[in-house]
Amino acid sequence: MTRLTVFILMMFLAGFCVGCCTKAPTKTTMLELHTRSMILEPGAKKESGGYKPVHETLRWASDKTALVICDMWDRHWCKGAEARVAEMAPAMNRLISTARGLGVQIIHAPSTCVDFYKEADQRHRAIEAAYARPPVKLAARERWGTAWCWPQDEREPGMPIDDSDMGCDCKEKCEIAPPWTRQIKTIDIREPDAITDNGQETYNLLAGRGIDNVILMGVHLNMCVLGRPFAIRQMVNVGKNVLLIRDMTDTMYNSRKKPFVNHFRGTDLVVEHVEKYWCPTIESTDFMGGSAFRFKDDPLDEKK
């Protein structure tokens, strides 16, 4: 074998090894999302209820999109709420896995429980994200142990359901004594993910990755999914493009309170409230195909 042949062979092997050890760049996936909003009809007034559904198709780059999982705790003071979280979690986990595989940034936000994950890389990923200055002051008023983004009278009226009793729909009222310690185990936390319940940390994560699109799911829509410092009101206020997955949420609503509809129709009314005043919604089918998730006790009658 000549020196020239040996040299050519060595160069070939070197190039082959570099190719094997270098990770191929990930191709950005375009997410096709079919949204629904409630738009006030021309000439109609908000108080008249003159809204109509409007459908639109969005295309979002997966690497510019985050999926935030709100307060899917392991336990809840309301047994009915806890049971519905456990029922929904497997379908939610499949959606999260699909979104992660497409390159979407997954953010787990089990409020007041993040210390459970204090040693996890995913928690440090949020803590160590470089500070980014938000365009508006972030929510600071305390509620249930974290900052809270309260309703804005100039933007939204009161909730369409009466949740003044905290919304337990069980036959026997459950005692309000928060038992949660972590996110429900059914939902996997993987290496690319992040964990935070902090508004500034969330904003830092999004800014550091150039993420302008935020999709939210979890519980409970009339409370935490709207009001937490990483949730719908705050994300809209800081200028993000926001969507709610409407079949991957639940409410705290007692059907024995106004407007005296069953629990699931109460959730539908809050979804419509979000679609009117805050952001469009999508269904899980945009990620997983098939049929939208439905709780086993949710009546098939559309009017419920």
C-alpha atoms as a PDB file:
ATOM      1  CA  MET A   1       0.000   0.000   0.000  1.00  0.00           C
ATOM      2  CA  THR A   2       1.506   3.343  -1.051  1.00  0.00           C
ATOM      3  CA  ARG A   3       1.746   6.366   1.246  1.00  0.00           C
ATOM      4  CA  LEU A   4      -0.814   8.163  -0.937  1.00  0.00           C
ATOM      5  CA  THR A   5      -3.276   5.290  -0.542  1.00  0.00           C
ATOM      6  CA  VAL A   6      -2.763   5.226   3.233  1.00  0.00           C
ATOM      7  CA  PHE A   7      -3.303   9.007   3.414  1.00  0.00           C
ATOM      8  CA  ILE A   8      -6.533   8.836   1.387  1.00  0.00           C
ATOM      9  CA  LEU A   9      -7.808   5.959   3.568  1.00  0.00           C
ATOM     10  CA  MET A  10      -7.039   7.882   6.769  1.00  0.00           C
ATOM     11  CA  MET A  11      -8.848  10.979   5.497  1.00  0.00           C
ATOM     12  CA  PHE A  12     -11.866   8.879   4.545  1.00  0.00           C
ATOM     13  CA  LEU A  13     -12.023   7.261   7.990  1.00  0.00           C
ATOM     14  CA  ALA A  14     -11.632  10.640   9.718  1.00  0.00           C
ATOM     15  CA  GLY A  15     -14.508  12.052   7.723  1.00  0.00           C
ATOM     16  CA  PHE A  16     -16.631   9.002   8.462  1.00  0.00           C
ATOM     17  CA  CYS A  17     -16.031   9.327  12.217  1.00  0.00           C
ATOM     18  CA  VAL A  18     -16.872  13.034  12.234  1.00  0.00           C
ATOM     19  CA  GLY A  19     -20.101  12.244  10.407  1.00  0.00           C
ATOM     20  CA  CYS A  20     -20.991   9.571  12.955  1.00  0.00           C
ATOM     21  CA  CYS A  21     -20.298  11.761  15.981  1.00  0.00           C
ATOM     22  CA  THR A  22     -21.959  14.931  14.721  1.00  0.00           C
ATOM     23  CA  LYS A  23     -25.686  15.139  15.370  1.00  0.00           C
ATOM     24  CA  ALA A  24     -27.635  16.045  12.276  1.00  0.00           C
ATOM     25  CA  PRO A  25     -29.470  19.350  12.615  1.00  0.00           C
ATOM     26  CA  THR A  26     -33.077  18.927  13.682  1.00  0.00           C
ATOM     27  CA  LYS A  27     -35.554  19.961  11.021  1.00  0.00           C
ATOM     28  CA  THR A  28     -38.177  22.413  12.200  1.00  0.00           C
ATOM     29  CA  THR A  29     -41.683  21.013  11.992  1.00  0.00           C
ATOM     30  CA  MET A  30     -44.557  23.272  11.044  1.00  0.00           C
ATOM     31  CA  LEU A  31     -47.503  22.609  13.345  1.00  0.00           C
ATOM     32  CA  GLU A  32     -50.909  22.913  11.684  1.00  0.00           C
ATOM     33  CA  LEU A  33     -53.332  24.140  14.334  1.00  0.00           C
ATOM     34  CA  HIS A  34     -57.067  24.535  13.788  1.00  0.00           C
ATOM     35  CA  THR A  35     -58.257  27.307  16.080  1.00  0.00           C
ATOM     36  CA  ARG A  36     -61.653  28.446  17.292  1.00  0.00           C
ATOM     37  CA  SER A  37     -62.412  31.931  18.576  1.00  0.00           C
ATOM     38  CA  MET A  38     -65.646  33.639  19.575  1.00  0.00           C
ATOM     39  CA  ILE A  39     -65.991  36.938  17.711  1.00  0.00           C
ATOM     40  CA  LEU A  40     -68.551  39.655  18.432  1.00  0.00           C
ATOM     41  CA  GLU A  41     -70.839  40.041  15.435  1.00  0.00           C
ATOM     42  CA  PRO A  42     -70.983  43.475  13.765  1.00  0.00           C
ATOM     43  CA  GLY A  43     -73.305  45.814  15.634  1.00  0.00           C
ATOM     44  CA  ALA A  44     -73.725  43.461  18.589  1.00  0.00           C
ATOM     45  CA  LYS A  45     -72.800  44.404  22.154  1.00  0.00           C
ATOM     46  CA  LYS A  46     -70.799  42.212  24.513  1.00  0.00           C
ATOM     47  CA  GLU A  47     -73.599  42.019  27.048  1.00  0.00           C
ATOM     48  CA  SER A  48     -76.049  40.838  24.370  1.00  0.00           C
ATOM     49  CA  GLY A  49     -74.137  37.615  23.826  1.00  0.00           C
ATOM     50  CA  GLY A  50     -73.901  38.283  20.103  1.00  0.00           C
ATOM     51  CA  TYR A  51     -70.846  36.109  19.469  1.00  0.00           C
ATOM     52  CA  LYS A  52     -70.197  33.619  16.702  1.00  0.00           C
ATOM     53  CA  PRO A  53     -67.447  30.991  16.398  1.00  0.00           C
ATOM     54  CA  VAL A  54     -64.678  31.733  13.908  1.00  0.00           C
ATOM     55  CA  HIS A  55     -62.277  29.034  12.724  1.00  0.00           C
ATOM     56  CA  GLU A  56     -58.749  29.621  11.448  1.00  0.00           C
ATOM     57  CA  THR A  57     -55.745  27.483  10.571  1.00  0.00           C
ATOM     58  CA  LEU A  58     -52.374  28.545  11.982  1.00  0.00           C
ATOM     59  CA  ARG A  59     -48.930  27.234  11.081  1.00  0.00           C
ATOM     60  CA  TRP A  60     -46.440  27.545  13.909  1.00  0.00           C
ATOM     61  CA  ALA A  61     -42.795  26.468  13.857  1.00  0.00           C
ATOM     62  CA  SER A  62     -42.330  23.767  16.484  1.00  0.00           C
ATOM     63  CA  ASP A  63     -39.021  25.203  17.728  1.00  0.00           C
ATOM     64  CA  LYS A  64     -40.731  28.548  18.326  1.00  0.00           C
ATOM     65  CA  THR A  65     -43.523  26.961  20.359  1.00  0.00           C
ATOM     66  CA  ALA A  66     -43.843  25.968  24.028  1.00  0.00           C
ATOM     67  CA  LEU A  67     -46.415  23.689  25.642  1.00  0.00           C
ATOM     68  CA  VAL A  68     -47.157  24.580  29.290  1.00  0.00           C
ATOM     69  CA  ILE A  69     -48.788  22.011  31.602  1.00  0.00           C
ATOM     70  CA  CYS A  70     -50.591  23.815  34.420  1.00  0.00           C
ATOM     71  CA  ASP A  71     -51.115  22.299  37.879  1.00  0.00           C
ATOM     72  CA  MET A  72     -51.641  18.653  36.964  1.00  0.00           C
ATOM     73  CA  TRP A  73     -50.987  17.696  40.567  1.00  0.00           C
ATOM     74  CA  ASP A  74     -50.756  14.244  42.135  1.00  0.00           C
ATOM     75  CA  ARG A  75     -53.573  15.044  44.575  1.00  0.00           C
ATOM     76  CA  HIS A  76     -56.341  17.595  45.036  1.00  0.00           C
ATOM     77  CA  TRP A  77     -58.487  18.645  47.977  1.00  0.00           C
ATOM     78  CA  CYS A  78     -61.568  17.962  45.819  1.00  0.00           C
ATOM     79  CA  LYS A  79     -61.905  14.225  45.146  1.00  0.00           C
ATOM     80  CA  GLY A  80     -63.869  14.813  41.946  1.00  0.00           C
ATOM     81  CA  ALA A  81     -61.205  17.161  40.590  1.00  0.00           C
ATOM     82  CA  GLU A  82     -58.488  14.660  41.534  1.00  0.00           C
ATOM     83  CA  ALA A  83     -60.298  11.846  39.716  1.00  0.00           C
ATOM     84  CA  ARG A  84     -60.700  13.923  36.544  1.00  0.00           C
ATOM     85  CA  VAL A  85     -56.991  14.843  36.550  1.00  0.00           C
ATOM     86  CA  ALA A  86     -56.097  11.150  36.833  1.00  0.00           C
ATOM     87  CA  GLU A  87     -58.498  10.309  33.992  1.00  0.00           C
ATOM     88  CA  MET A  88     -57.141  12.994  31.676  1.00  0.00           C
ATOM     89  CA  ALA A  89     -53.421  12.539  32.447  1.00  0.00           C
ATOM     90  CA  PRO A  90     -52.698   9.490  30.201  1.00  0.00           C
ATOM     91  CA  ALA A  91     -54.095  11.236  27.118  1.00  0.00           C
ATOM     92  CA  MET A  92     -52.247  14.400  28.074  1.00  0.00           C
ATOM     93  CA  ASN A  93     -48.996  12.464  28.429  1.00  0.00           C
ATOM     94  CA  ARG A  94     -49.382  11.051  24.913  1.00  0.00           C
ATOM     95  CA  LEU A  95     -49.919  14.565  23.577  1.00  0.00           C
ATOM     96  CA  ILE A  96     -46.843  15.845  25.438  1.00  0.00           C
ATOM     97  CA  SER A  97     -44.724  13.004  24.040  1.00  0.00           C
ATOM     98  CA  THR A  98     -45.888  13.781  20.508  1.00  0.00           C
ATOM     99  CA  ALA A  99     -45.240  17.506  20.892  1.00  0.00           C
ATOM    100  CA  ARG A 100     -41.800  16.879  22.395  1.00  0.00           C
ATOM    101  CA  GLY A 101     -40.921  14.644  19.459  1.00  0.00           C
ATOM    102  CA  LEU A 102     -41.861  17.438  17.087  1.00  0.00           C
ATOM    103  CA  GLY A 103     -39.459  19.833  18.808  1.00  0.00           C
ATOM    104  CA  VAL A 104     -41.904  21.756  21.011  1.00  0.00           C
ATOM    105  CA  GLN A 105     -40.448  23.031  24.314  1.00  0.00           C
ATOM    106  CA  ILE A 106     -42.282  21.342  27.193  1.00  0.00           C
ATOM    107  CA  ILE A 107     -42.714  23.329  30.425  1.00  0.00           C
ATOM    108  CA  HIS A 108     -44.119  21.529  33.466  1.00  0.00           C
ATOM    109  CA  ALA A 109     -45.737  23.991  35.884  1.00  0.00           C
ATOM    110  CA  PRO A 110     -47.014  22.240  39.034  1.00  0.00           C
ATOM    111  CA  SER A 111     -47.539  25.380  41.120  1.00  0.00           C
ATOM    112  CA  THR A 112     -46.113  25.451  44.671  1.00  0.00           C
ATOM    113  CA  CYS A 113     -44.556  22.008  44.119  1.00  0.00           C
ATOM    114  CA  VAL A 114     -41.422  22.835  42.137  1.00  0.00           C
ATOM    115  CA  ASP A 115     -39.183  22.272  45.168  1.00  0.00           C
ATOM    116  CA  PHE A 116     -39.961  18.572  44.785  1.00  0.00           C
ATOM    117  CA  TYR A 117     -37.789  18.782  41.647  1.00  0.00           C
ATOM    118  CA  LYS A 118     -35.020  20.994  43.091  1.00  0.00           C
ATOM    119  CA  GLU A 119     -32.282  18.530  42.102  1.00  0.00           C
ATOM    120  CA  ALA A 120     -33.617  17.870  38.610  1.00  0.00           C
ATOM    121  CA  ASP A 121     -31.874  19.198  35.511  1.00  0.00           C
ATOM    122  CA  GLN A 122     -35.236  20.341  34.201  1.00  0.00           C
ATOM    123  CA  ARG A 123     -35.705  22.574  37.248  1.00  0.00           C
ATOM    124  CA  HIS A 124     -32.205  24.016  36.932  1.00  0.00           C
ATOM    125  CA  ARG A 125     -32.855  24.664  33.256  1.00  0.00           C
ATOM    126  CA  ALA A 126     -35.535  27.156  34.290  1.00  0.00           C
ATOM    127  CA  ILE A 127     -33.635  28.635  37.223  1.00  0.00           C
ATOM    128  CA  GLU A 128     -30.487  29.186  35.171  1.00  0.00           C
ATOM    129  CA  ALA A 129     -32.129  30.675  32.069  1.00  0.00           C
ATOM    130  CA  ALA A 130     -30.657  34.126  31.396  1.00  0.00           C
ATOM    131  CA  TYR A 131     -32.743  37.053  32.620  1.00  0.00           C
ATOM    132  CA  ALA A 132     -34.902  38.711  29.979  1.00  0.00           C
ATOM    133  CA  ARG A 133     -36.761  41.944  30.635  1.00  0.00           C
ATOM    134  CA  PRO A 134     -40.511  41.518  29.996  1.00  0.00           C
ATOM    135  CA  PRO A 135     -42.386  44.291  28.152  1.00  0.00           C
ATOM    136  CA  VAL A 136     -44.827  44.728  31.055  1.00  0.00           C
ATOM    137  CA  LYS A 137     -44.646  44.234  34.788  1.00  0.00           C
ATOM    138  CA  LEU A 138     -45.283  40.603  35.653  1.00  0.00           C
ATOM    139  CA  ALA A 139     -48.039  39.538  38.030  1.00  0.00           C
ATOM    140  CA  ALA A 140     -47.011  39.918  41.649  1.00  0.00           C
ATOM    141  CA  ARG A 141     -50.131  39.774  43.852  1.00  0.00           C
ATOM    142  CA  GLU A 142     -50.138  36.606  45.871  1.00  0.00           C
ATOM    143  CA  ARG A 143     -52.796  33.882  45.759  1.00  0.00           C
ATOM    144  CA  TRP A 144     -52.379  30.277  46.856  1.00  0.00           C
ATOM    145  CA  GLY A 145     -48.634  30.665  47.316  1.00  0.00           C
ATOM    146  CA  THR A 146     -47.681  32.170  43.954  1.00  0.00           C
ATOM    147  CA  ALA A 147     -48.130  35.426  42.059  1.00  0.00           C
ATOM    148  CA  TRP A 148     -51.523  35.855  40.411  1.00  0.00           C
ATOM    149  CA  CYS A 149     -52.674  37.619  37.262  1.00  0.00           C
ATOM    150  CA  TRP A 150     -56.137  38.848  38.245  1.00  0.00           C
ATOM    151  CA  PRO A 151     -59.095  39.450  35.901  1.00  0.00           C
ATOM    152  CA  GLN A 152     -58.914  42.711  33.988  1.00  0.00           C
ATOM    153  CA  ASP A 153     -62.247  44.508  34.097  1.00  0.00           C
ATOM    154  CA  GLU A 154     -61.542  46.446  30.923  1.00  0.00           C
ATOM    155  CA  ARG A 155     -60.985  43.205  29.016  1.00  0.00           C
ATOM    156  CA  GLU A 156     -63.264  40.539  30.469  1.00  0.00           C
ATOM    157  CA  PRO A 157     -66.500  40.397  32.462  1.00  0.00           C
ATOM    158  CA  GLY A 158     -67.006  38.003  35.349  1.00  0.00           C
ATOM    159  CA  MET A 159     -66.873  34.246  34.912  1.00  0.00           C
ATOM    160  CA  PRO A 160     -69.945  32.615  33.325  1.00  0.00           C
ATOM    161  CA  ILE A 161     -70.046  30.173  36.257  1.00  0.00           C
ATOM    162  CA  ASP A 162     -70.344  30.803  39.978  1.00  0.00           C
ATOM    163  CA  ASP A 163     -67.185  29.393  41.557  1.00  0.00           C
ATOM    164  CA  SER A 164     -67.503  31.351  44.794  1.00  0.00           C
ATOM    165  CA  ASP A 165     -67.611  28.104  46.792  1.00  0.00           C
ATOM    166  CA  MET A 166     -64.330  26.990  45.115  1.00  0.00           C
ATOM    167  CA  GLY A 167     -66.208  24.662  42.786  1.00  0.00           C
ATOM    168  CA  CYS A 168     -66.284  21.236  44.429  1.00  0.00           C
ATOM    169  CA  ASP A 169     -68.949  19.241  42.547  1.00  0.00           C
ATOM    170  CA  CYS A 170     -68.897  16.209  44.841  1.00  0.00           C
ATOM    171  CA  LYS A 171     -72.110  15.103  46.540  1.00  0.00           C
ATOM    172  CA  GLU A 172     -70.452  15.706  49.893  1.00  0.00           C
ATOM    173  CA  LYS A 173     -68.398  18.911  50.032  1.00  0.00           C
ATOM    174  CA  CYS A 174     -64.679  18.160  50.332  1.00  0.00           C
ATOM    175  CA  GLU A 175     -62.554  19.955  52.899  1.00  0.00           C
ATOM    176  CA  ILE A 176     -60.270  22.602  51.411  1.00  0.00           C
ATOM    177  CA  ALA A 177     -56.827  21.486  52.560  1.00  0.00           C
ATOM    178  CA  PRO A 178     -54.279  21.359  49.700  1.00  0.00           C
ATOM    179  CA  PRO A 179     -52.607  17.906  49.693  1.00  0.00           C
ATOM    180  CA  TRP A 180     -50.565  18.109  46.464  1.00  0.00           C
ATOM    181  CA  THR A 181     -46.809  17.523  46.546  1.00  0.00           C
ATOM    182  CA  ARG A 182     -45.741  17.076  42.906  1.00  0.00           C
ATOM    183  CA  GLN A 183     -47.000  16.674  39.345  1.00  0.00           C
ATOM    184  CA  ILE A 184     -48.976  13.489  38.741  1.00  0.00           C
ATOM    185  CA  LYS A 185     -46.609  10.609  37.933  1.00  0.00           C
ATOM    186  CA  THR A 186     -48.580   9.688  34.804  1.00  0.00           C
ATOM    187  CA  ILE A 187     -47.037  12.685  33.030  1.00  0.00           C
ATOM    188  CA  ASP A 188     -43.434  12.007  32.075  1.00  0.00           C
ATOM    189  CA  ILE A 189     -40.716  14.617  32.541  1.00  0.00           C
ATOM    190  CA  ARG A 190     -37.937  14.140  30.005  1.00  0.00           C
ATOM    191  CA  GLU A 191     -34.500  15.628  29.366  1.00  0.00           C
ATOM    192  CA  PRO A 192     -35.411  18.516  27.021  1.00  0.00           C
ATOM    193  CA  ASP A 193     -38.174  19.747  29.364  1.00  0.00           C
ATOM    194  CA  ALA A 194     -38.185  22.523  31.964  1.00  0.00           C
ATOM    195  CA  ILE A 195     -39.947  22.888  35.331  1.00  0.00           C
ATOM    196  CA  THR A 196     -41.136  26.187  36.800  1.00  0.00           C
ATOM    197  CA  ASP A 197     -44.142  27.911  38.321  1.00  0.00           C
ATOM    198  CA  ASN A 198     -42.491  31.337  38.194  1.00  0.00           C
ATOM    199  CA  GLY A 199     -43.526  34.016  35.705  1.00  0.00           C
ATOM    200  CA  GLN A 200     -40.060  35.506  35.291  1.00  0.00           C
ATOM    201  CA  GLU A 201     -38.412  32.116  34.851  1.00  0.00           C
ATOM    202  CA  THR A 202     -41.028  31.216  32.242  1.00  0.00           C
ATOM    203  CA  TYR A 203     -40.410  34.454  30.370  1.00  0.00           C
ATOM    204  CA  ASN A 204     -36.638  33.872  30.539  1.00  0.00           C
ATOM    205  CA  LEU A 205     -37.012  30.379  29.073  1.00  0.00           C
ATOM    206  CA  LEU A 206     -39.177  31.618  26.219  1.00  0.00           C
ATOM    207  CA  ALA A 207     -36.962  34.595  25.430  1.00  0.00           C
ATOM    208  CA  GLY A 208     -33.774  32.525  25.510  1.00  0.00           C
ATOM    209  CA  ARG A 209     -35.187  30.118  22.943  1.00  0.00           C
ATOM    210  CA  GLY A 210     -36.863  32.736  20.756  1.00  0.00           C
ATOM    211  CA  ILE A 211     -40.285  31.264  21.527  1.00  0.00           C
ATOM    212  CA  ASP A 212     -43.258  33.470  20.653  1.00  0.00           C
ATOM    213  CA  ASN A 213     -45.992  30.800  20.650  1.00  0.00           C
ATOM    214  CA  VAL A 214     -47.411  29.329  23.860  1.00  0.00           C
ATOM    215  CA  ILE A 215     -49.980  26.528  24.127  1.00  0.00           C
ATOM    216  CA  LEU A 216     -51.554  25.847  27.531  1.00  0.00           C
ATOM    217  CA  MET A 217     -53.400  22.891  29.004  1.00  0.00           C
ATOM    218  CA  GLY A 218     -54.133  21.575  32.475  1.00  0.00           C
ATOM    219  CA  VAL A 219     -56.331  22.611  35.374  1.00  0.00           C
ATOM    220  CA  HIS A 220     -58.329  24.489  36.416  1.00  0.00           C
ATOM    221  CA  LEU A 221     -59.398  26.778  33.623  1.00  0.00           C
ATOM    222  CA  ASN A 222     -61.492  29.274  35.597  1.00  0.00           C
ATOM    223  CA  MET A 223     -58.676  29.657  38.112  1.00  0.00           C
ATOM    224  CA  CYS A 224     -55.064  28.610  37.535  1.00  0.00           C
ATOM    225  CA  VAL A 225     -54.983  28.192  33.738  1.00  0.00           C
ATOM    226  CA  LEU A 226     -56.073  31.818  33.439  1.00  0.00           C
ATOM    227  CA  GLY A 227     -54.449  33.360  36.492  1.00  0.00           C
ATOM    228  CA  ARG A 228     -51.079  31.771  37.242  1.00  0.00           C
ATOM    229  CA  PRO A 229     -48.004  33.882  36.372  1.00  0.00           C
ATOM    230  CA  PHE A 230     -47.101  31.510  33.518  1.00  0.00           C
ATOM    231  CA  ALA A 231     -50.663  31.122  32.264  1.00  0.00           C
ATOM    232  CA  ILE A 232     -53.092  32.652  29.756  1.00  0.00           C
ATOM    233  CA  ARG A 233     -53.564  36.204  31.035  1.00  0.00           C
ATOM    234  CA  GLN A 234     -49.863  36.705  31.709  1.00  0.00           C
ATOM    235  CA  MET A 235     -48.697  35.196  28.427  1.00  0.00           C
ATOM    236  CA  VAL A 236     -51.139  37.375  26.471  1.00  0.00           C
ATOM    237  CA  ASN A 237     -50.038  40.443  28.445  1.00  0.00           C
ATOM    238  CA  VAL A 238     -46.355  39.889  27.582  1.00  0.00           C
ATOM    239  CA  GLY A 239     -47.203  39.638  23.883  1.00  0.00           C
ATOM    240  CA  LYS A 240     -47.048  35.905  23.203  1.00  0.00           C
ATOM    241  CA  ASN A 241     -49.291  34.143  20.705  1.00  0.00           C
ATOM    242  CA  VAL A 242     -51.423  32.001  23.000  1.00  0.00           C
ATOM    243  CA  LEU A 243     -53.684  28.976  22.505  1.00  0.00           C
ATOM    244  CA  LEU A 244     -55.621  26.768  24.924  1.00  0.00           C
ATOM    245  CA  ILE A 245     -56.194  23.043  24.288  1.00  0.00           C
ATOM    246  CA  ARG A 246     -59.888  22.989  25.116  1.00  0.00           C
ATOM    247  CA  ASP A 247     -60.295  19.224  25.565  1.00  0.00           C
ATOM    248  CA  MET A 248     -57.274  19.032  27.871  1.00  0.00           C
ATOM    249  CA  THR A 249     -58.630  21.141  30.715  1.00  0.00           C
ATOM    250  CA  ASP A 250     -61.255  21.130  33.456  1.00  0.00           C
ATOM    251  CA  THR A 251     -62.909  23.634  35.781  1.00  0.00           C
ATOM    252  CA  MET A 252     -63.677  23.936  39.456  1.00  0.00           C
ATOM    253  CA  TYR A 253     -67.448  24.277  39.132  1.00  0.00           C
ATOM    254  CA  ASN A 254     -70.260  23.050  41.347  1.00  0.00           C
ATOM    255  CA  SER A 255     -73.311  22.279  39.210  1.00  0.00           C
ATOM    256  CA  ARG A 256     -75.544  23.284  42.133  1.00  0.00           C
ATOM    257  CA  LYS A 257     -74.449  26.887  41.562  1.00  0.00           C
ATOM    258  CA  LYS A 258     -75.303  29.305  38.735  1.00  0.00           C
ATOM    259  CA  PRO A 259     -75.904  28.818  35.861  1.00  0.00           C
ATOM    260  CA  PHE A 260     -77.146  25.413  37.129  1.00  0.00           C
ATOM    261  CA  VAL A 261     -75.747  23.309  34.281  1.00  0.00           C
ATOM    262  CA  ASN A 262     -73.780  20.099  34.660  1.00  0.00           C
ATOM    263  CA  HIS A 263     -70.068  20.242  35.407  1.00  0.00           C
ATOM    264  CA  PHE A 264     -68.911  19.668  31.833  1.00  0.00           C
ATOM    265  CA  ARG A 265     -71.230  22.276  30.342  1.00  0.00           C
ATOM    266  CA  GLY A 266     -69.799  24.644  32.952  1.00  0.00           C
ATOM    267  CA  THR A 267     -66.333  23.932  31.571  1.00  0.00           C
ATOM    268  CA  ASP A 268     -67.584  24.602  28.037  1.00  0.00           C
ATOM    269  CA  LEU A 269     -68.864  28.004  29.151  1.00  0.00           C
ATOM    270  CA  VAL A 270     -65.467  28.929  30.573  1.00  0.00           C
ATOM    271  CA  VAL A 271     -63.784  27.764  27.338  1.00  0.00           C
ATOM    272  CA  GLU A 272     -66.100  30.114  25.443  1.00  0.00           C
ATOM    273  CA  HIS A 273     -65.175  32.905  27.876  1.00  0.00           C
ATOM    274  CA  VAL A 274     -61.500  32.370  27.039  1.00  0.00           C
ATOM    275  CA  GLU A 275     -62.267  32.307  23.307  1.00  0.00           C
ATOM    276  CA  LYS A 276     -64.159  35.604  23.580  1.00  0.00           C
ATOM    277  CA  TYR A 277     -61.779  37.606  25.733  1.00  0.00           C
ATOM    278  CA  TRP A 278     -58.301  36.038  25.765  1.00  0.00           C
ATOM    279  CA  CYS A 279     -57.172  33.586  23.114  1.00  0.00           C
ATOM    280  CA  PRO A 280     -58.293  30.981  20.576  1.00  0.00           C
ATOM    281  CA  THR A 281     -58.503  27.285  21.404  1.00  0.00           C
ATOM    282  CA  ILE A 282     -57.546  24.066  19.638  1.00  0.00           C
ATOM    283  CA  GLU A 283     -58.205  20.371  20.284  1.00  0.00           C
ATOM    284  CA  SER A 284     -55.676  17.654  21.108  1.00  0.00           C
ATOM    285  CA  THR A 285     -56.477  16.126  17.705  1.00  0.00           C
ATOM    286  CA  ASP A 286     -54.137  18.654  16.098  1.00  0.00           C
ATOM    287  CA  PHE A 287     -51.287  16.690  17.683  1.00  0.00           C
ATOM    288  CA  MET A 288     -52.676  13.175  17.993  1.00  0.00           C
ATOM    289  CA  GLY A 289     -55.443  12.815  15.409  1.00  0.00           C
ATOM    290  CA  GLY A 290     -58.405  10.630  16.281  1.00  0.00           C
ATOM    291  CA  SER A 291     -61.140  12.002  18.525  1.00  0.00           C
ATOM    292  CA  ALA A 292     -60.964  14.767  21.100  1.00  0.00           C
ATOM    293  CA  PHE A 293     -60.569  13.705  24.735  1.00  0.00           C
ATOM    294  CA  ARG A 294     -63.849  13.428  26.651  1.00  0.00           C
ATOM    295  CA  PHE A 295     -64.372  12.605  30.312  1.00  0.00           C
ATOM    296  CA  LYS A 296     -66.273   9.351  30.801  1.00  0.00           C
ATOM    297  CA  ASP A 297     -69.078  11.108  32.688  1.00  0.00           C
ATOM    298  CA  ASP A 298     -69.454  13.891  30.108  1.00  0.00           C
ATOM    299  CA  PRO A 299     -72.908  13.504  28.490  1.00  0.00           C
ATOM    300  CA  LEU A 300     -72.949  12.849  24.762  1.00  0.00           C
ATOM    301  CA  ASP A 301     -75.698  15.439  24.286  1.00  0.00           C
ATOM    302  CA  GLU A 302     -73.940  18.512  22.911  1.00  0.00           C
ATOM    303  CA  LYS A 303     -76.216  20.802  24.895  1.00  0.00           C
ATOM    304  CA  LYS A 304     -75.522  18.866  28.116  1.00  0.00           C
END
